[in-house]
Amino acid sequence: MAAPERRGNRDRRELGAGRQGRAVALAESAIRRRHWTEARSRAAELAAIYPDDVHVRRLQTDLRAHDSFELRTEFHVNKEYGGSNDANELANSPGSGLDWTARLYTPPVAEYWRFIGAWSTTRRRSPKAARCGIALAPASSWRCRISRRAIGWNNEGDISQLGASLAVAWLPTDHWRFDLGAEYFAGDTPLRAVLNGITANSASAGVTYAWHESRSLAIGVSGYDFSDGNRRKTAHLTFEQKVVDIPHFDLTLRPEIYTSANSSSEGPYFSPRHDLSGSLTCDAEHVLWRSYERSFGHRLALTGGAYWQEFSAPVDRLAALRAGLSIQSVVRAALRHTMEARGLRR
């Protein structure tokens, strides 16, 4: 009788583990869908039954982080190699540089709103620009699986001017995501344009389909209205596949096709009439240190591909006759350090 009794106990344990796994998965799904009341209720029920389970503790940590102050900082160094030897293109192209961003999120206000204080600076060769401001944005409410974020900026640098952005995302299911965005004085306005007193407003739309957390396909389009009269249209198609997923280390492959068109290439910034690029990015992310809700990691992205363009007009008209079309190979390396401090005491 001993053997059947042991088998019965084992079957009951396996059944309990299966129920626990399903309950944890439902709680995690509620967090992904930003249904915080449901997530808290499920996590509390699990904690009462499995107080020492590592998955339950992780749920509690994620909920604690959502209900606390959150600090995010990023330092992004970008190095680009390859391209044309044309002096005008070299002068106007963005080239290598660095980006530094810091954002402080308050705990949710009335469950669905959050204040954000943000600062960022961007440098590309000689020009530089800085942004600082305060914004009021929903804390990923998703009441109808919709999130809205509005940010107001005070831009300092070569142009001191107010800016603003609005982003809306809709997730009708766990697989589909639809995005709309608009910016006044767009944050990705070429710094060479800013250096010459030119600004740009933008609008964008995108669709993403995710098979699961490790695989997705995204398509996006955007348009830019430059103050010098140039109109830019862009489109991209990106596939993402995580090939290594182990504790503290992820490796993702990201092939991408990108194209853009400008109505004018006469401006003092990089604006080819038409361009097209195909690239493959190998993105490695490593968590160097983690202590409870605080972590420090780095991310190395290596990109290789081919770039085709119909030239942007050089100052030298003889060079314009010689330029025509150009095809270039491009190698890009980007190193990013990220520090997150979540769950700071109020």
Protein backbone atom coordinates (compact mmCIF):
# COMPACT_ATOMS: atom_id res chain seq x y z
CA MET A 1 0.00 0.00 0.00
CA ALA A 2 2.94 2.30 0.53
CA ALA A 3 3.79 2.63 -3.15
CA PRO A 4 0.25 3.57 -4.29
CA GLU A 5 0.04 6.09 -1.42
CA ARG A 6 3.31 7.71 -2.51
CA ARG A 7 2.05 7.86 -6.11
CA GLY A 8 -1.17 9.47 -4.91
CA ASN A 9 0.73 12.13 -2.95
CA ARG A 10 2.93 12.83 -5.96
CA ASP A 11 -0.11 13.16 -8.25
CA ARG A 12 -1.72 15.61 -5.80
CA ARG A 13 1.50 17.65 -5.66
CA GLU A 14 1.72 17.74 -9.46
CA LEU A 15 -1.93 18.76 -9.69
CA GLY A 16 -1.31 21.53 -7.14
CA ALA A 17 1.78 22.70 -9.05
CA GLY A 18 -0.23 22.79 -12.27
CA ARG A 19 -2.94 24.90 -10.68
CA GLN A 20 -0.31 27.18 -9.16
CA GLY A 21 1.39 27.63 -12.54
CA ARG A 22 -1.90 28.54 -14.20
CA ALA A 23 -2.72 31.00 -11.41
CA VAL A 24 0.70 32.64 -11.72
CA ALA A 25 0.29 32.85 -15.50
CA LEU A 26 -3.10 34.55 -15.08
CA ALA A 27 -1.61 37.07 -12.65
CA GLU A 28 1.29 37.80 -15.02
CA SER A 29 -1.19 38.24 -17.88
CA ALA A 30 -3.13 40.78 -15.78
CA ILE A 31 0.11 42.73 -15.21
CA ARG A 32 0.94 42.70 -18.93
CA ARG A 33 -2.58 43.94 -19.68
CA ARG A 34 -2.21 46.59 -16.92
CA HIS A 35 -5.26 45.30 -15.07
CA TRP A 36 -3.75 46.22 -11.71
CA THR A 37 -6.76 45.49 -9.48
CA GLU A 38 -7.07 41.98 -10.91
CA ALA A 39 -3.30 41.45 -10.65
CA ARG A 40 -3.24 42.50 -6.96
CA SER A 41 -6.16 40.22 -6.14
CA ARG A 42 -4.59 37.20 -7.83
CA ALA A 43 -1.16 37.90 -6.28
CA ALA A 44 -2.69 38.20 -2.81
CA GLU A 45 -4.50 34.87 -3.18
CA LEU A 46 -1.28 33.19 -4.33
CA ALA A 47 0.78 34.76 -1.53
CA ALA A 48 -1.66 33.42 1.07
CA ILE A 49 -1.22 29.85 -0.24
CA TYR A 50 2.42 29.91 -1.52
CA PRO A 51 4.18 32.65 0.52
CA ASP A 52 7.69 31.35 -0.21
CA ASP A 53 7.33 30.54 -3.91
CA VAL A 54 9.84 32.41 -6.10
CA HIS A 55 7.28 33.12 -8.85
CA VAL A 56 4.80 34.56 -6.35
CA ARG A 57 7.50 36.74 -4.84
CA ARG A 58 8.38 38.02 -8.31
CA LEU A 59 4.73 38.98 -8.84
CA GLN A 60 4.74 40.88 -5.57
CA THR A 61 7.97 42.63 -6.57
CA ASP A 62 6.52 43.71 -9.91
CA LEU A 63 3.40 45.11 -8.22
CA ARG A 64 5.51 46.89 -5.58
CA ALA A 65 7.60 48.44 -8.35
CA HIS A 66 4.46 49.68 -10.12
CA ASP A 67 3.22 51.32 -6.92
CA SER A 68 6.54 53.06 -6.17
CA PHE A 69 8.83 55.70 -7.61
CA GLU A 70 10.81 54.50 -10.61
CA LEU A 71 14.08 55.95 -11.92
CA ARG A 72 15.38 55.05 -15.38
CA THR A 73 18.65 56.30 -16.85
CA GLU A 74 20.30 55.44 -20.14
CA PHE A 75 23.67 56.37 -21.56
CA HIS A 76 23.93 55.48 -25.24
CA VAL A 77 27.20 55.72 -27.22
CA ASN A 78 26.90 55.28 -30.98
CA LYS A 79 29.76 54.65 -33.41
CA GLU A 80 29.18 54.47 -37.15
CA TYR A 81 31.63 53.29 -39.79
CA GLY A 82 31.38 53.30 -43.56
CA GLY A 83 29.61 55.62 -45.95
CA SER A 84 30.49 58.08 -48.65
CA ASN A 85 33.68 60.10 -48.96
CA ASP A 86 31.74 63.09 -50.26
CA ALA A 87 32.64 66.09 -48.10
CA ASN A 88 29.12 67.50 -48.07
CA GLU A 89 27.55 64.19 -47.04
CA LEU A 90 30.13 63.74 -44.32
CA ALA A 91 29.41 67.24 -43.02
CA ASN A 92 25.63 66.78 -42.99
CA SER A 93 25.33 63.15 -41.90
CA PRO A 94 24.54 62.53 -38.20
CA GLY A 95 27.56 60.27 -37.63
CA SER A 96 28.78 59.13 -34.23
CA GLY A 97 27.60 60.60 -30.97
CA LEU A 98 26.00 59.96 -27.61
CA ASP A 99 22.59 60.18 -25.94
CA TRP A 100 21.89 60.47 -22.24
CA THR A 101 18.37 60.21 -20.82
CA ALA A 102 16.95 60.18 -17.29
CA ARG A 103 13.31 59.82 -16.27
CA LEU A 104 11.70 59.75 -12.83
CA TYR A 105 8.18 58.29 -12.59
CA THR A 106 5.98 58.99 -9.56
CA PRO A 107 3.72 56.33 -8.05
CA PRO A 108 0.33 56.10 -9.74
CA VAL A 109 -2.08 58.91 -8.90
CA ALA A 110 -5.69 57.75 -8.71
CA GLU A 111 -4.44 54.38 -10.06
CA TYR A 112 -4.23 55.45 -13.71
CA TRP A 113 -2.10 58.63 -13.80
CA ARG A 114 1.56 59.33 -13.31
CA PHE A 115 3.84 62.37 -13.26
CA ILE A 116 7.10 62.10 -15.21
CA GLY A 117 10.13 64.31 -14.83
CA ALA A 118 12.56 63.83 -17.73
CA TRP A 119 15.88 65.15 -18.99
CA SER A 120 17.89 64.17 -22.05
CA THR A 121 20.83 65.38 -24.04
CA THR A 122 22.01 64.44 -27.53
CA ARG A 123 25.36 65.13 -29.16
CA ARG A 124 26.46 64.49 -32.72
CA ARG A 125 29.94 65.70 -33.55
CA SER A 126 29.91 69.48 -33.09
CA PRO A 127 26.18 70.23 -32.57
CA LYS A 128 24.55 69.42 -29.27
CA ALA A 129 21.08 69.79 -27.81
CA ALA A 130 19.40 69.28 -24.45
CA ARG A 131 15.84 68.69 -23.32
CA CYS A 132 14.37 69.07 -19.89
CA GLY A 133 10.77 69.18 -18.76
CA ILE A 134 7.94 67.79 -16.70
CA ALA A 135 5.00 65.85 -18.02
CA LEU A 136 1.68 64.38 -16.92
CA ALA A 137 1.01 60.97 -18.45
CA PRO A 138 -1.33 58.04 -17.74
CA ALA A 139 0.34 55.22 -15.86
CA SER A 140 -0.40 52.66 -18.58
CA SER A 141 -4.07 52.60 -17.67
CA TRP A 142 -5.27 50.28 -20.45
CA ARG A 143 -8.85 50.63 -19.22
CA CYS A 144 -9.95 49.71 -22.72
CA ARG A 145 -6.50 48.27 -23.40
CA ILE A 146 -5.51 51.80 -24.42
CA SER A 147 -2.58 53.79 -23.08
CA ARG A 148 -2.02 57.52 -23.56
CA ARG A 149 1.10 59.56 -22.83
CA ALA A 150 1.49 63.34 -23.20
CA ILE A 151 4.83 65.06 -22.58
CA GLY A 152 5.76 68.72 -22.69
CA TRP A 153 9.41 69.68 -23.25
CA ASN A 154 11.54 72.74 -22.78
CA ASN A 155 14.34 72.47 -25.35
CA GLU A 156 17.67 74.11 -24.67
CA GLY A 157 20.69 74.21 -26.96
CA ASP A 158 20.95 75.59 -30.47
CA ILE A 159 17.20 76.34 -30.40
CA SER A 160 15.36 77.25 -27.19
CA GLN A 161 11.77 76.29 -27.91
CA LEU A 162 8.91 74.40 -26.31
CA GLY A 163 8.04 70.96 -27.63
CA ALA A 164 5.37 68.37 -26.98
CA SER A 165 4.53 64.76 -27.83
CA LEU A 166 1.43 62.58 -27.66
CA ALA A 167 1.49 58.78 -27.95
CA VAL A 168 -1.46 56.39 -27.96
CA ALA A 169 -1.22 52.59 -27.93
CA TRP A 170 -4.04 50.04 -28.24
CA LEU A 171 -3.65 46.34 -27.45
CA PRO A 172 -6.86 44.58 -28.51
CA THR A 173 -5.27 41.19 -27.74
CA ASP A 174 -2.07 39.81 -26.23
CA HIS A 175 -0.63 39.52 -29.76
CA TRP A 176 -1.57 42.76 -31.52
CA ARG A 177 -0.47 46.33 -30.78
CA PHE A 178 -1.40 49.51 -32.65
CA ASP A 179 0.45 52.81 -32.10
CA LEU A 180 -0.22 56.43 -33.06
CA GLY A 181 2.01 59.38 -32.22
CA ALA A 182 2.51 63.07 -32.90
CA GLU A 183 5.27 65.50 -31.93
CA TYR A 184 5.67 69.26 -32.02
CA PHE A 185 9.40 69.94 -32.48
CA ALA A 186 10.15 66.23 -32.88
CA GLY A 187 12.83 64.76 -30.67
CA ASP A 188 14.55 63.08 -33.63
CA THR A 189 14.85 66.28 -35.68
CA PRO A 190 18.35 66.12 -37.25
CA LEU A 191 20.74 68.12 -35.10
CA ARG A 192 22.30 69.65 -38.22
CA ALA A 193 18.86 71.08 -38.97
CA VAL A 194 18.52 72.39 -35.42
CA LEU A 195 21.98 73.94 -35.67
CA ASN A 196 20.72 75.95 -38.65
CA GLY A 197 17.48 77.04 -36.99
CA ILE A 198 15.26 74.40 -38.65
CA THR A 199 12.66 72.40 -36.69
CA ALA A 200 10.32 69.55 -37.63
CA ASN A 201 6.94 68.30 -36.50
CA SER A 202 6.04 64.64 -36.98
CA ALA A 203 3.25 62.08 -36.99
CA SER A 204 3.62 58.30 -36.89
CA ALA A 205 1.66 55.04 -36.93
CA GLY A 206 2.69 51.45 -36.36
CA VAL A 207 1.42 47.89 -36.02
CA THR A 208 3.15 45.06 -34.12
CA TYR A 209 2.28 41.38 -34.00
CA ALA A 210 3.94 39.30 -31.27
CA TRP A 211 3.76 35.52 -31.43
CA HIS A 212 5.15 35.48 -27.89
CA GLU A 213 7.66 37.41 -25.79
CA SER A 214 10.58 36.21 -27.94
CA ARG A 215 9.27 36.84 -31.45
CA SER A 216 7.55 39.82 -33.09
CA LEU A 217 7.04 41.61 -36.39
CA ALA A 218 6.52 45.39 -36.62
CA ILE A 219 5.77 47.81 -39.41
CA GLY A 220 5.70 51.58 -39.03
CA VAL A 221 5.36 54.76 -41.07
CA SER A 222 6.00 58.39 -40.18
CA GLY A 223 6.00 61.82 -41.72
CA TYR A 224 8.02 64.96 -40.91
CA ASP A 225 7.18 68.56 -41.75
CA PHE A 226 10.38 70.66 -41.66
CA SER A 227 10.20 74.41 -41.20
CA ASP A 228 12.36 74.90 -44.33
CA GLY A 229 9.62 73.32 -46.46
CA ASN A 230 11.04 69.80 -46.70
CA ARG A 231 8.62 66.89 -46.27
CA ARG A 232 10.04 63.55 -45.21
CA LYS A 233 8.28 60.17 -45.30
CA THR A 234 9.73 57.05 -43.70
CA ALA A 235 8.74 53.39 -43.38
CA HIS A 236 10.31 50.38 -41.70
CA LEU A 237 9.72 46.65 -41.33
CA THR A 238 11.37 44.90 -38.37
CA PHE A 239 11.43 41.25 -37.31
CA GLU A 240 12.71 40.32 -33.86
CA GLN A 241 13.71 36.89 -32.57
CA LYS A 242 15.29 36.17 -29.20
CA VAL A 243 17.73 33.30 -29.70
CA VAL A 244 19.26 33.15 -26.20
CA ASP A 245 17.16 33.66 -23.07
CA ILE A 246 18.92 32.72 -19.85
CA PRO A 247 19.08 34.43 -16.45
CA HIS A 248 20.88 37.79 -16.71
CA PHE A 249 21.60 37.45 -20.44
CA ASP A 250 19.50 37.81 -23.60
CA LEU A 251 20.58 37.68 -27.25
CA THR A 252 18.21 38.96 -29.92
CA LEU A 253 18.51 39.06 -33.72
CA ARG A 254 16.73 41.93 -35.45
CA PRO A 255 16.65 42.14 -39.28
CA GLU A 256 15.20 45.42 -40.56
CA ILE A 257 14.32 47.18 -43.81
CA TYR A 258 14.07 50.97 -43.76
CA THR A 259 13.29 53.52 -46.45
CA SER A 260 12.67 57.26 -46.60
CA ALA A 261 12.00 60.01 -49.12
CA ASN A 262 12.51 63.78 -48.89
CA SER A 263 10.76 66.39 -51.01
CA SER A 264 13.95 68.47 -50.98
CA SER A 265 17.63 67.67 -50.57
CA GLU A 266 18.79 71.29 -50.56
CA GLY A 267 18.83 71.72 -46.77
CA PRO A 268 21.95 72.01 -44.62
CA TYR A 269 21.30 68.58 -43.10
CA PHE A 270 21.32 64.99 -44.34
CA SER A 271 18.23 64.59 -46.54
CA PRO A 272 18.68 62.26 -49.53
CA ARG A 273 15.92 62.26 -52.12
CA HIS A 274 15.39 58.55 -51.55
CA ASP A 275 17.22 55.94 -49.49
CA LEU A 276 16.87 52.28 -48.60
CA SER A 277 18.72 50.12 -46.10
CA GLY A 278 18.72 46.49 -45.09
CA SER A 279 20.42 45.52 -41.86
CA LEU A 280 20.81 42.81 -39.25
CA THR A 281 21.32 43.74 -35.61
CA CYS A 282 22.74 41.40 -33.00
CA ASP A 283 21.54 42.76 -29.65
CA ALA A 284 23.11 41.38 -26.46
CA GLU A 285 21.76 42.49 -23.07
CA HIS A 286 23.52 41.55 -19.85
CA VAL A 287 22.42 42.33 -16.29
CA LEU A 288 25.65 42.99 -14.39
CA TRP A 289 24.12 43.55 -10.98
CA ARG A 290 20.69 43.15 -9.41
CA SER A 291 19.54 43.68 -5.84
CA TYR A 292 15.82 43.39 -5.29
CA GLU A 293 14.21 46.10 -7.48
CA ARG A 294 17.52 47.77 -8.42
CA SER A 295 19.61 46.67 -11.35
CA PHE A 296 22.49 47.76 -13.56
CA GLY A 297 23.14 46.30 -16.97
CA HIS A 298 24.66 46.98 -20.32
CA ARG A 299 23.56 46.34 -23.86
CA LEU A 300 25.71 45.96 -26.95
CA ALA A 301 24.10 46.16 -30.38
CA LEU A 302 26.13 45.41 -33.51
CA THR A 303 24.51 46.24 -36.84
CA GLY A 304 25.70 45.38 -40.32
CA GLY A 305 23.99 45.97 -43.63
CA ALA A 306 23.82 47.77 -46.94
CA TYR A 307 22.61 51.32 -47.60
CA TRP A 308 21.50 52.82 -50.92
CA GLN A 309 20.71 56.47 -51.51
CA GLU A 310 19.95 58.96 -54.19
CA PHE A 311 22.33 61.71 -53.20
CA SER A 312 21.47 64.80 -51.18
CA ALA A 313 22.51 67.85 -53.16
CA PRO A 314 26.16 68.77 -52.63
CA VAL A 315 27.22 72.39 -52.53
CA ASP A 316 29.63 71.69 -55.38
CA ARG A 317 27.52 71.42 -58.57
CA LEU A 318 30.29 69.52 -60.37
CA ALA A 319 30.13 66.97 -57.59
CA ALA A 320 26.37 66.85 -58.12
CA LEU A 321 26.91 65.76 -61.72
CA ARG A 322 29.26 63.01 -60.60
CA ALA A 323 27.27 61.82 -57.59
CA GLY A 324 24.13 60.17 -58.95
CA LEU A 325 23.35 57.10 -56.86
CA SER A 326 25.53 55.48 -54.23
CA ILE A 327 25.50 52.10 -52.52
CA GLN A 328 27.37 51.78 -49.23
CA SER A 329 28.08 49.13 -46.65
CA VAL A 330 27.49 50.28 -43.10
CA VAL A 331 28.65 48.86 -39.78
CA ARG A 332 27.30 50.36 -36.59
CA ALA A 333 28.14 49.66 -32.97
CA ALA A 334 26.04 50.95 -30.08
CA LEU A 335 26.80 50.43 -26.38
CA ARG A 336 24.12 51.32 -23.86
CA HIS A 337 24.28 51.26 -20.06
CA THR A 338 20.97 51.15 -18.21
CA MET A 339 20.31 51.68 -14.52
CA GLU A 340 16.87 51.05 -13.05
CA ALA A 341 15.86 51.77 -9.47
CA ARG A 342 12.32 50.60 -8.87
CA GLY A 343 10.51 50.36 -5.60
CA LEU A 344 12.09 53.47 -4.04
CA ARG A 345 10.44 54.29 -0.74
CA ARG A 346 7.90 57.09 -0.71
